[in-house]
Each structure stands twice: as structure tokens, then as C-alpha cells.
Amino acid sequence: MPRKLKVYQLESNPVCSPYRLIYPGNALNRSGDIEVKLFRDFGQSHCDELLREADLFIIQRMEMVPHLRELILALNRKGIVVVYEIDDDLLHLEPGSRQAALNSKEHADRIEDCIRACQAVQCSTAALASALAGIHSEVVVLENQLDRVPAFRDKPPRSPATIVGYAAGADHGHDWPAVCDAYNRTVADLSSQGAEIETWIVGDPQVYESIISPRKRLFPIMPRDAYLELLAHVDVSIIPLKDCAFNASKSDVKYLESAAMGTPVLASNIAFERTIVDGETGLLFANGEEFASQLQRLVSDKALARRMAKAAHSYVEENRVIGQHAAKWASTYSDWHARGGQLLARSSIAE
């Protein structure tokens, strides 16, 4: 029996790792030809195992630091290919974001240094691959997929209010101002027409406070399963994004999550126009006025909302489950391993 290709992963961001490491790793382990092991921490015993067993080593969203440079060099000397995993444009953080405020001025430079030191890069979108093309010549797009899709469930009749949900999280406060006024105006207009709206905000107290209506609830950031169950109880999911370089490279995973839970989506055309067929699998908007009219439409036309929710659920179920894409992940890793000598020969990391 031929030896399995051994792929090791090092997690640094547990929020992103399900779609980027865990679900693909589980799918590859089920396939039988590749063995994937995830490290959530890293010590001497992990280093020894890597040097002894690994064919590929995937590092997630890491800055270059001296001990990481030494590890990459040690792995390369053993002929082990190191892959950089990235699912956001960390080189172009939006200045007003929480993430940008938390990072040092050297953050982007250290990220770029680490990307250049690796022999290959895997990312989540074609737009992100284009942004990285000037930094690395070996970039492959491996899109985010879900691990499973539950059966479609119709939304129960709501009384007295339609629930509109926004998963603002901890780092989307800079996206909300583009639609805040339009949202408050639309909620007031719908209320005057007899259609009450209850707003559910996940994660951001400032977004919550900006909503004028008293019908609102603030939820903490929660574990993934609890978050998905919350989406199932929402009637309309909204996903606003500011037009900026960082958002242009984002994946469509928030849409996939809502669609899988049978919840119709109103999303920014930034990032989501690559996935959503406007009017069929969701609604798109380009500015505040379009957001307002599309929200009116989605709340007022229950038949349209259900039809789009059902179509979106079918799209995800038929096209966006990791088992349907495991072969691409497997062929990518097998190819990188087969071309390891070539990739190592052109690696830019210096001893």
C-alpha cells in the first residue's frame, strides 16, 4: 500500500479555521489518500514530529518572527514544503477597523515576509489571489465550503414582528455607517405601514445602539453551532460591506451560512455579487438607497423571500459542501508535494 501524503496544519485563528483547516482536513482524512493533522499549539514535540513525518506544513495567517523563520528553514532543509494559508487581505486592512487598530505598524510587512518565505499560498477567493499575485508566484484558490447543510425549514409566521439579523461580530463597525440611516428609515417606514421589524445584532454594541427602534436585541459573539441556530430563527439576514480593498477580497461564507439555514439574504454587491444571483438566490445592493428598497421588498413580499431562501439553500446544498470539493484540495496538495523540489528551489527565504 502506498504511503499516505502527510499534511500538517498550524492554527492561529480559530474563527477562520473551520472553513480553512478543519473541514477540509476532515474531508481529506475521509478520502483515504491524504492524512491531515491539526496543531492548535506548537512545542518541541510538535516540531520533532513535523521534521520526522510531514510532507506539507500549512501555517495560518502568521506574521514572520525569528523562531518561525528558523522553523521554515529547518523544514525546507528536510525537503518539506511550507504553505501559507490566508483568507483575508491582511496586507490592506481597512484603517477604521478594529483589526487594524489592534495590529502594529509592521504587521503587514511581517505578513508579507512570511508569505514570501513559504513555498506556496492557499487563499479563499480569486480577488484575494489577484491581490497576492505580486508577492508570490504560487497561489491557489481553495474556496470556503460548508461541512454540512441541514434540511430546508420554512420560516414560521411571525407575530408581531419580522426579525432582521446582522452578524456584525467584532470587526464590522466600519461597514455599518453605509446603511445605518437607510436601515433606520426603512424600519420606520415599514412600521408606519403596519410591518413591524425586530432587529437582532450579533457582537457589536455600537451597531446595536445606532438602531433607533426599540424592537432590538443584542447577542454576544457565540460558538458556531449556536450562531447557525440563531440564523435559522432570523427572517432576513443583512450583510453590508464598505467599498474598500479589504472587503473586495472577502469570501462569501456569511452568505453560505444564512442560506444553509434557510434564511434569505440582502447583501452588498461587494464580494457577494460573485455568488448571489440577484432576485433569485438573494438580493444585492450597491448603496443606501438600494439597500432600503431591497429591504422593503424582502420584508413585504413573503413569497419572494421564501422562493429565494429555497433557491439559495439548494445552491449551497448542491454546490458548496466541502465533500464536493475535497478532490481539488487533494490534487493541490499532491501537486505541491510532487513539485516540492521546484518550489523549494525558487523559495526566497534566506539562511
Protein backbone atom coordinates (compact mmCIF):
# COMPACT_ATOMS: atom_id res chain seq x y z
CA MET A 1 0.00 0.00 0.00
CA PRO A 2 1.48 3.41 -0.96
CA ARG A 3 2.33 5.79 1.86
CA LYS A 4 -0.25 8.49 2.50
CA LEU A 5 0.69 12.11 1.90
CA LYS A 6 1.03 13.68 5.35
CA VAL A 7 -0.22 17.23 5.71
CA TYR A 8 0.14 19.15 8.98
CA GLN A 9 -1.75 22.35 9.82
CA LEU A 10 -0.94 25.01 12.43
CA GLU A 11 -3.95 27.03 13.56
CA SER A 12 -3.60 30.68 14.57
CA ASN A 13 -7.17 31.94 14.05
CA PRO A 14 -9.90 29.65 15.46
CA VAL A 15 -12.66 31.81 13.91
CA CYS A 16 -11.44 31.09 10.38
CA SER A 17 -10.01 27.62 10.88
CA PRO A 18 -13.23 25.58 10.45
CA TYR A 19 -13.53 26.56 6.80
CA ARG A 20 -9.81 26.83 6.07
CA LEU A 21 -8.34 23.93 8.06
CA ILE A 22 -10.79 21.73 9.96
CA TYR A 23 -13.49 20.98 7.37
CA PRO A 24 -11.01 20.42 4.51
CA GLY A 25 -8.80 18.33 6.79
CA ASN A 26 -11.70 16.14 7.87
CA ALA A 27 -12.80 15.67 4.26
CA LEU A 28 -9.28 14.72 3.16
CA ASN A 29 -8.94 12.25 6.04
CA ARG A 30 -12.19 10.61 4.92
CA SER A 31 -10.90 10.33 1.35
CA GLY A 32 -8.15 7.96 2.47
CA ASP A 33 -5.23 9.16 0.31
CA ILE A 34 -4.10 12.07 2.48
CA GLU A 35 -3.59 12.20 6.22
CA VAL A 36 -4.15 15.62 7.82
CA LYS A 37 -3.29 16.57 11.38
CA LEU A 38 -4.10 19.90 13.04
CA PHE A 39 -1.89 21.55 15.66
CA ARG A 40 -3.61 24.14 17.85
CA ASP A 41 -0.42 24.85 19.77
CA PHE A 42 3.20 24.19 19.00
CA GLY A 43 6.10 22.93 21.09
CA GLN A 44 9.26 20.90 20.71
CA SER A 45 7.40 17.61 20.37
CA HIS A 46 5.31 19.07 17.52
CA CYS A 47 8.48 20.34 15.81
CA ASP A 48 10.12 16.92 16.10
CA GLU A 49 7.04 15.22 14.62
CA LEU A 50 6.91 17.69 11.75
CA LEU A 51 10.53 17.18 10.80
CA ARG A 52 10.10 13.43 11.02
CA GLU A 53 6.72 12.92 9.34
CA ALA A 54 5.47 15.92 7.33
CA ASP A 55 5.24 16.28 3.57
CA LEU A 56 3.45 19.64 3.68
CA PHE A 57 3.08 22.10 6.55
CA ILE A 58 0.30 24.70 6.40
CA ILE A 59 0.62 27.82 8.56
CA GLN A 60 -2.43 30.03 9.05
CA ARG A 61 -2.33 33.86 8.87
CA MET A 62 1.04 34.20 10.63
CA GLU A 63 3.47 37.10 10.92
CA MET A 64 7.16 36.38 10.41
CA VAL A 65 9.09 36.16 13.68
CA PRO A 66 12.60 34.74 14.22
CA HIS A 67 11.57 31.31 15.55
CA LEU A 68 9.12 30.84 12.67
CA ARG A 69 11.83 31.70 10.16
CA GLU A 70 14.08 29.10 11.78
CA LEU A 71 11.31 26.50 11.61
CA ILE A 72 10.62 27.15 7.92
CA LEU A 73 14.33 26.85 7.16
CA ALA A 74 14.58 23.59 9.09
CA LEU A 75 11.58 22.15 7.26
CA ASN A 76 12.90 23.26 3.88
CA ARG A 77 16.26 21.61 4.55
CA LYS A 78 14.31 18.36 5.05
CA GLY A 79 12.51 18.90 1.73
CA ILE A 80 9.21 19.81 3.38
CA VAL A 81 7.04 22.36 1.57
CA VAL A 82 5.53 25.12 3.73
CA VAL A 83 2.18 26.57 2.64
CA TYR A 84 0.78 29.92 3.76
CA GLU A 85 -2.98 29.88 4.45
CA ILE A 86 -4.76 33.25 4.15
CA ASP A 87 -8.46 34.04 3.81
CA ASP A 88 -8.49 37.84 4.25
CA ASP A 89 -6.41 40.59 2.64
CA LEU A 90 -4.27 41.16 5.72
CA LEU A 91 -1.99 43.46 3.72
CA HIS A 92 -4.79 46.01 3.20
CA LEU A 93 -6.73 46.22 6.44
CA GLU A 94 -9.34 48.95 6.49
CA PRO A 95 -7.82 51.74 8.66
CA GLY A 96 -11.04 52.25 10.63
CA SER A 97 -11.40 48.58 11.55
CA ARG A 98 -10.83 47.08 14.97
CA GLN A 99 -8.38 44.62 13.46
CA ALA A 100 -6.21 47.42 12.08
CA ALA A 101 -6.25 49.21 15.45
CA LEU A 102 -5.02 46.08 17.25
CA ASN A 103 -2.07 45.46 14.94
CA SER A 104 1.34 47.10 14.91
CA LYS A 105 2.55 49.30 12.05
CA GLU A 106 4.83 46.47 10.97
CA HIS A 107 2.00 43.92 10.79
CA ALA A 108 1.54 43.99 7.02
CA ASP A 109 5.28 43.85 6.38
CA ARG A 110 5.67 40.82 8.63
CA ILE A 111 2.72 39.09 6.97
CA GLU A 112 4.24 39.72 3.54
CA ASP A 113 7.63 38.48 4.74
CA CYS A 114 6.04 35.24 5.92
CA ILE A 115 4.12 34.76 2.67
CA ARG A 116 7.33 35.19 0.66
CA ALA A 117 9.15 32.69 2.88
CA CYS A 118 6.64 29.94 2.12
CA GLN A 119 6.76 27.80 -1.00
CA ALA A 120 3.04 28.08 -1.82
CA VAL A 121 -0.06 30.03 -0.80
CA GLN A 122 -3.67 28.91 -0.48
CA CYS A 123 -6.42 31.53 -0.29
CA SER A 124 -10.20 31.73 -0.33
CA THR A 125 -11.12 33.96 -3.31
CA ALA A 126 -9.92 34.84 -6.79
CA ALA A 127 -9.87 38.52 -5.79
CA LEU A 128 -7.51 37.73 -2.92
CA ALA A 129 -5.33 35.63 -5.24
CA SER A 130 -5.05 38.64 -7.57
CA ALA A 131 -4.03 40.86 -4.65
CA LEU A 132 -1.31 38.36 -3.72
CA ALA A 133 -0.03 37.78 -7.26
CA GLY A 134 2.65 40.43 -6.95
CA ILE A 135 4.00 38.84 -3.79
CA HIS A 136 4.03 35.13 -4.62
CA SER A 137 4.01 33.16 -7.87
CA GLU A 138 2.38 30.01 -6.43
CA VAL A 139 -1.13 30.93 -5.26
CA VAL A 140 -4.11 28.58 -5.48
CA VAL A 141 -7.73 29.47 -4.71
CA LEU A 142 -9.44 26.96 -2.44
CA GLU A 143 -12.85 28.44 -1.67
CA ASN A 144 -14.65 28.26 1.66
CA GLN A 145 -17.23 25.49 1.83
CA LEU A 146 -19.64 24.27 4.49
CA ASP A 147 -19.21 20.93 6.22
CA ARG A 148 -22.92 20.10 6.01
CA VAL A 149 -26.29 21.63 5.12
CA PRO A 150 -29.37 20.85 7.23
CA ALA A 151 -32.72 20.18 5.58
CA PHE A 152 -34.64 23.27 4.47
CA ARG A 153 -37.17 24.55 7.00
CA ASP A 154 -39.87 27.10 6.23
CA LYS A 155 -39.97 30.17 8.43
CA PRO A 156 -42.92 30.12 10.82
CA PRO A 157 -45.43 33.01 10.61
CA ARG A 158 -44.10 35.90 12.67
CA SER A 159 -46.21 37.88 15.07
CA PRO A 160 -45.86 40.65 15.87
CA ALA A 161 -42.56 41.38 14.07
CA THR A 162 -40.29 40.25 11.24
CA ILE A 163 -36.77 39.52 12.55
CA VAL A 164 -33.87 41.11 10.65
CA GLY A 165 -30.45 39.83 11.72
CA TYR A 166 -26.98 41.27 11.28
CA ALA A 167 -23.88 39.29 12.31
CA ALA A 168 -21.76 42.37 12.93
CA GLY A 169 -19.25 40.43 15.02
CA ALA A 170 -16.34 42.35 16.47
CA ASP A 171 -14.91 43.92 13.32
CA HIS A 172 -17.65 45.23 11.03
CA GLY A 173 -18.47 48.51 12.74
CA HIS A 174 -16.82 50.37 9.85
CA ASP A 175 -19.22 48.69 7.38
CA TRP A 176 -22.44 49.70 9.12
CA PRO A 177 -22.43 53.52 8.53
CA ALA A 178 -23.04 52.97 4.79
CA VAL A 179 -26.55 51.64 5.52
CA CYS A 180 -27.32 52.80 9.08
CA ASP A 181 -29.51 55.78 8.14
CA ALA A 182 -31.23 53.82 5.37
CA TYR A 183 -31.95 50.97 7.78
CA ASN A 184 -33.49 53.18 10.45
CA ARG A 185 -35.56 55.00 7.84
CA THR A 186 -36.81 51.74 6.32
CA VAL A 187 -37.70 50.23 9.69
CA ALA A 188 -39.74 53.37 10.48
CA ASP A 189 -41.43 53.29 7.05
CA LEU A 190 -42.34 49.62 7.40
CA SER A 191 -43.70 50.23 10.89
CA SER A 192 -45.93 53.03 9.55
CA GLN A 193 -47.25 50.50 7.01
CA GLY A 194 -48.04 48.00 9.77
CA ALA A 195 -44.98 45.78 9.23
CA GLU A 196 -43.01 45.77 12.47
CA ILE A 197 -39.30 44.90 12.43
CA GLU A 198 -37.28 43.43 15.28
CA THR A 199 -33.52 43.79 14.79
CA TRP A 200 -31.06 41.22 16.09
CA ILE A 201 -27.42 42.30 16.24
CA VAL A 202 -24.65 39.81 16.98
CA GLY A 203 -21.49 41.13 18.58
CA ASP A 204 -21.29 44.93 18.17
CA PRO A 205 -22.85 47.15 20.89
CA GLN A 206 -22.25 50.33 18.87
CA VAL A 207 -24.21 49.00 15.90
CA TYR A 208 -26.95 47.97 18.32
CA GLU A 209 -27.05 51.45 19.90
CA SER A 210 -27.30 53.09 16.45
CA ILE A 211 -30.64 51.40 15.77
CA ILE A 212 -33.43 53.80 16.68
CA SER A 213 -36.27 51.31 17.00
CA PRO A 214 -36.96 49.91 20.49
CA ARG A 215 -37.55 46.48 18.93
CA LYS A 216 -33.98 45.22 19.02
CA ARG A 217 -31.81 42.60 20.72
CA LEU A 218 -28.04 42.36 21.18
CA PHE A 219 -26.42 38.92 21.21
CA PRO A 220 -22.83 38.14 22.18
CA ILE A 221 -20.42 36.50 19.78
CA MET A 222 -21.21 32.83 20.19
CA PRO A 223 -19.97 29.37 19.21
CA ARG A 224 -20.55 28.44 15.56
CA ASP A 225 -23.40 25.97 16.16
CA ALA A 226 -25.29 28.47 18.32
CA TYR A 227 -24.71 31.19 15.71
CA LEU A 228 -26.10 28.99 12.93
CA GLU A 229 -29.15 28.19 15.05
CA LEU A 230 -29.70 31.92 15.58
CA LEU A 231 -29.57 32.42 11.79
CA ALA A 232 -32.28 29.79 11.44
CA HIS A 233 -34.57 31.92 13.64
CA VAL A 234 -33.95 35.11 11.62
CA ASP A 235 -36.38 36.04 8.82
CA VAL A 236 -33.95 38.24 6.86
CA SER A 237 -30.15 38.30 7.06
CA ILE A 238 -28.38 41.53 6.06
CA ILE A 239 -24.67 41.69 5.10
CA PRO A 240 -23.46 45.27 4.47
CA LEU A 241 -19.87 45.87 3.38
CA LYS A 242 -17.98 49.11 2.85
CA ASP A 243 -16.41 49.51 -0.59
CA CYS A 244 -12.70 49.03 0.19
CA ALA A 245 -9.77 46.86 -0.84
CA PHE A 246 -10.06 44.58 2.19
CA ASN A 247 -13.73 43.79 1.60
CA ALA A 248 -13.24 43.23 -2.14
CA SER A 249 -11.24 40.08 -1.32
CA LYS A 250 -13.64 38.67 1.27
CA SER A 251 -15.25 35.28 0.87
CA ASP A 252 -18.98 34.58 0.65
CA VAL A 253 -19.10 32.42 3.77
CA LYS A 254 -21.60 34.64 5.64
CA TYR A 255 -24.00 34.19 2.75
CA LEU A 256 -23.44 30.43 2.74
CA GLU A 257 -24.20 30.23 6.46
CA SER A 258 -27.50 32.10 6.17
CA ALA A 259 -28.52 30.25 3.00
CA ALA A 260 -27.81 26.88 4.60
CA MET A 261 -30.15 27.79 7.46
CA GLY A 262 -32.96 28.73 5.07
CA THR A 263 -32.68 32.49 5.69
CA PRO A 264 -32.99 34.91 2.75
CA VAL A 265 -30.10 37.34 2.37
CA LEU A 266 -29.75 41.01 1.47
CA ALA A 267 -26.04 41.61 0.83
CA SER A 268 -23.64 44.20 -0.50
CA ASN A 269 -22.62 43.67 -4.10
CA ILE A 270 -19.06 43.98 -2.79
CA ALA A 271 -17.82 40.36 -2.60
CA PHE A 272 -21.29 38.80 -2.82
CA GLU A 273 -22.11 39.57 -6.44
CA ARG A 274 -19.75 36.71 -7.32
CA THR A 275 -22.16 34.25 -5.69
CA ILE A 276 -25.67 35.70 -5.38
CA VAL A 277 -27.91 35.80 -8.43
CA ASP A 278 -29.85 38.98 -7.67
CA GLY A 279 -33.57 38.29 -7.29
CA GLU A 280 -33.10 34.52 -7.48
CA THR A 281 -30.79 33.38 -4.67
CA GLY A 282 -30.73 36.64 -2.73
CA LEU A 283 -30.87 40.41 -3.12
CA LEU A 284 -27.90 42.72 -3.73
CA PHE A 285 -27.41 46.45 -3.14
CA ALA A 286 -24.75 48.97 -4.11
CA ASN A 287 -25.70 51.93 -1.90
CA GLY A 288 -28.01 53.04 0.89
CA GLU A 289 -30.97 53.75 -1.36
CA GLU A 290 -30.79 50.32 -2.99
CA PHE A 291 -30.43 48.76 0.45
CA ALA A 292 -33.61 50.48 1.62
CA SER A 293 -35.70 49.47 -1.40
CA GLN A 294 -34.43 45.89 -1.37
CA LEU A 295 -35.14 45.54 2.35
CA GLN A 296 -38.67 46.87 1.81
CA ARG A 297 -39.12 44.32 -0.95
CA LEU A 298 -37.78 41.37 1.05
CA VAL A 299 -39.84 42.13 4.16
CA SER A 300 -43.07 42.90 2.26
CA ASP A 301 -43.04 40.01 -0.22
CA LYS A 302 -43.05 36.80 1.83
CA ALA A 303 -43.42 34.61 -1.25
CA LEU A 304 -40.31 36.16 -2.80
CA ALA A 305 -38.40 35.74 0.46
CA ARG A 306 -39.29 32.05 0.66
CA ARG A 307 -38.53 31.41 -3.01
CA MET A 308 -35.10 32.99 -2.74
CA ALA A 309 -34.36 31.23 0.54
CA LYS A 310 -35.24 27.86 -1.01
CA ALA A 311 -33.13 28.57 -4.12
CA ALA A 312 -30.18 29.71 -2.01
CA HIS A 313 -30.43 26.63 0.19
CA SER A 314 -30.45 24.39 -2.90
CA TYR A 315 -27.43 26.21 -4.33
CA VAL A 316 -25.41 25.65 -1.18
CA GLU A 317 -26.56 22.06 -0.75
CA GLU A 318 -25.70 21.17 -4.35
CA ASN A 319 -22.51 23.20 -4.78
CA ARG A 320 -20.87 24.40 -1.57
CA VAL A 321 -20.29 21.40 0.71
CA ILE A 322 -16.65 20.50 1.35
CA GLY A 323 -17.06 16.86 0.32
CA GLN A 324 -17.88 18.08 -3.19
CA HIS A 325 -14.54 19.92 -3.36
CA ALA A 326 -12.17 17.65 -1.46
CA ALA A 327 -10.67 16.37 -4.72
CA LYS A 328 -9.42 19.89 -5.56
CA TRP A 329 -7.79 20.29 -2.17
CA ALA A 330 -6.23 16.82 -2.53
CA SER A 331 -4.90 17.46 -6.05
CA THR A 332 -3.47 20.81 -4.97
CA TYR A 333 -1.57 19.28 -2.06
CA SER A 334 -0.42 16.31 -4.15
CA ASP A 335 0.82 18.67 -6.87
CA TRP A 336 2.73 20.85 -4.41
CA HIS A 337 4.35 17.76 -2.93
CA ALA A 338 5.25 16.39 -6.36
CA ARG A 339 6.80 19.74 -7.33
CA GLY A 340 8.44 20.22 -3.96
CA GLY A 341 11.96 20.36 -5.35
CA GLN A 342 10.98 23.05 -7.86
CA LEU A 343 9.09 25.10 -5.27
CA LEU A 344 11.93 24.88 -2.75
CA ALA A 345 14.50 25.85 -5.38
CA ARG A 346 12.79 29.18 -6.03
CA SER A 347 11.97 29.91 -2.37
CA SER A 348 13.08 33.39 -1.33
CA ILE A 349 13.79 32.75 2.37
CA ALA A 350 17.39 33.47 3.31
CA GLU A 351 19.51 31.38 5.67
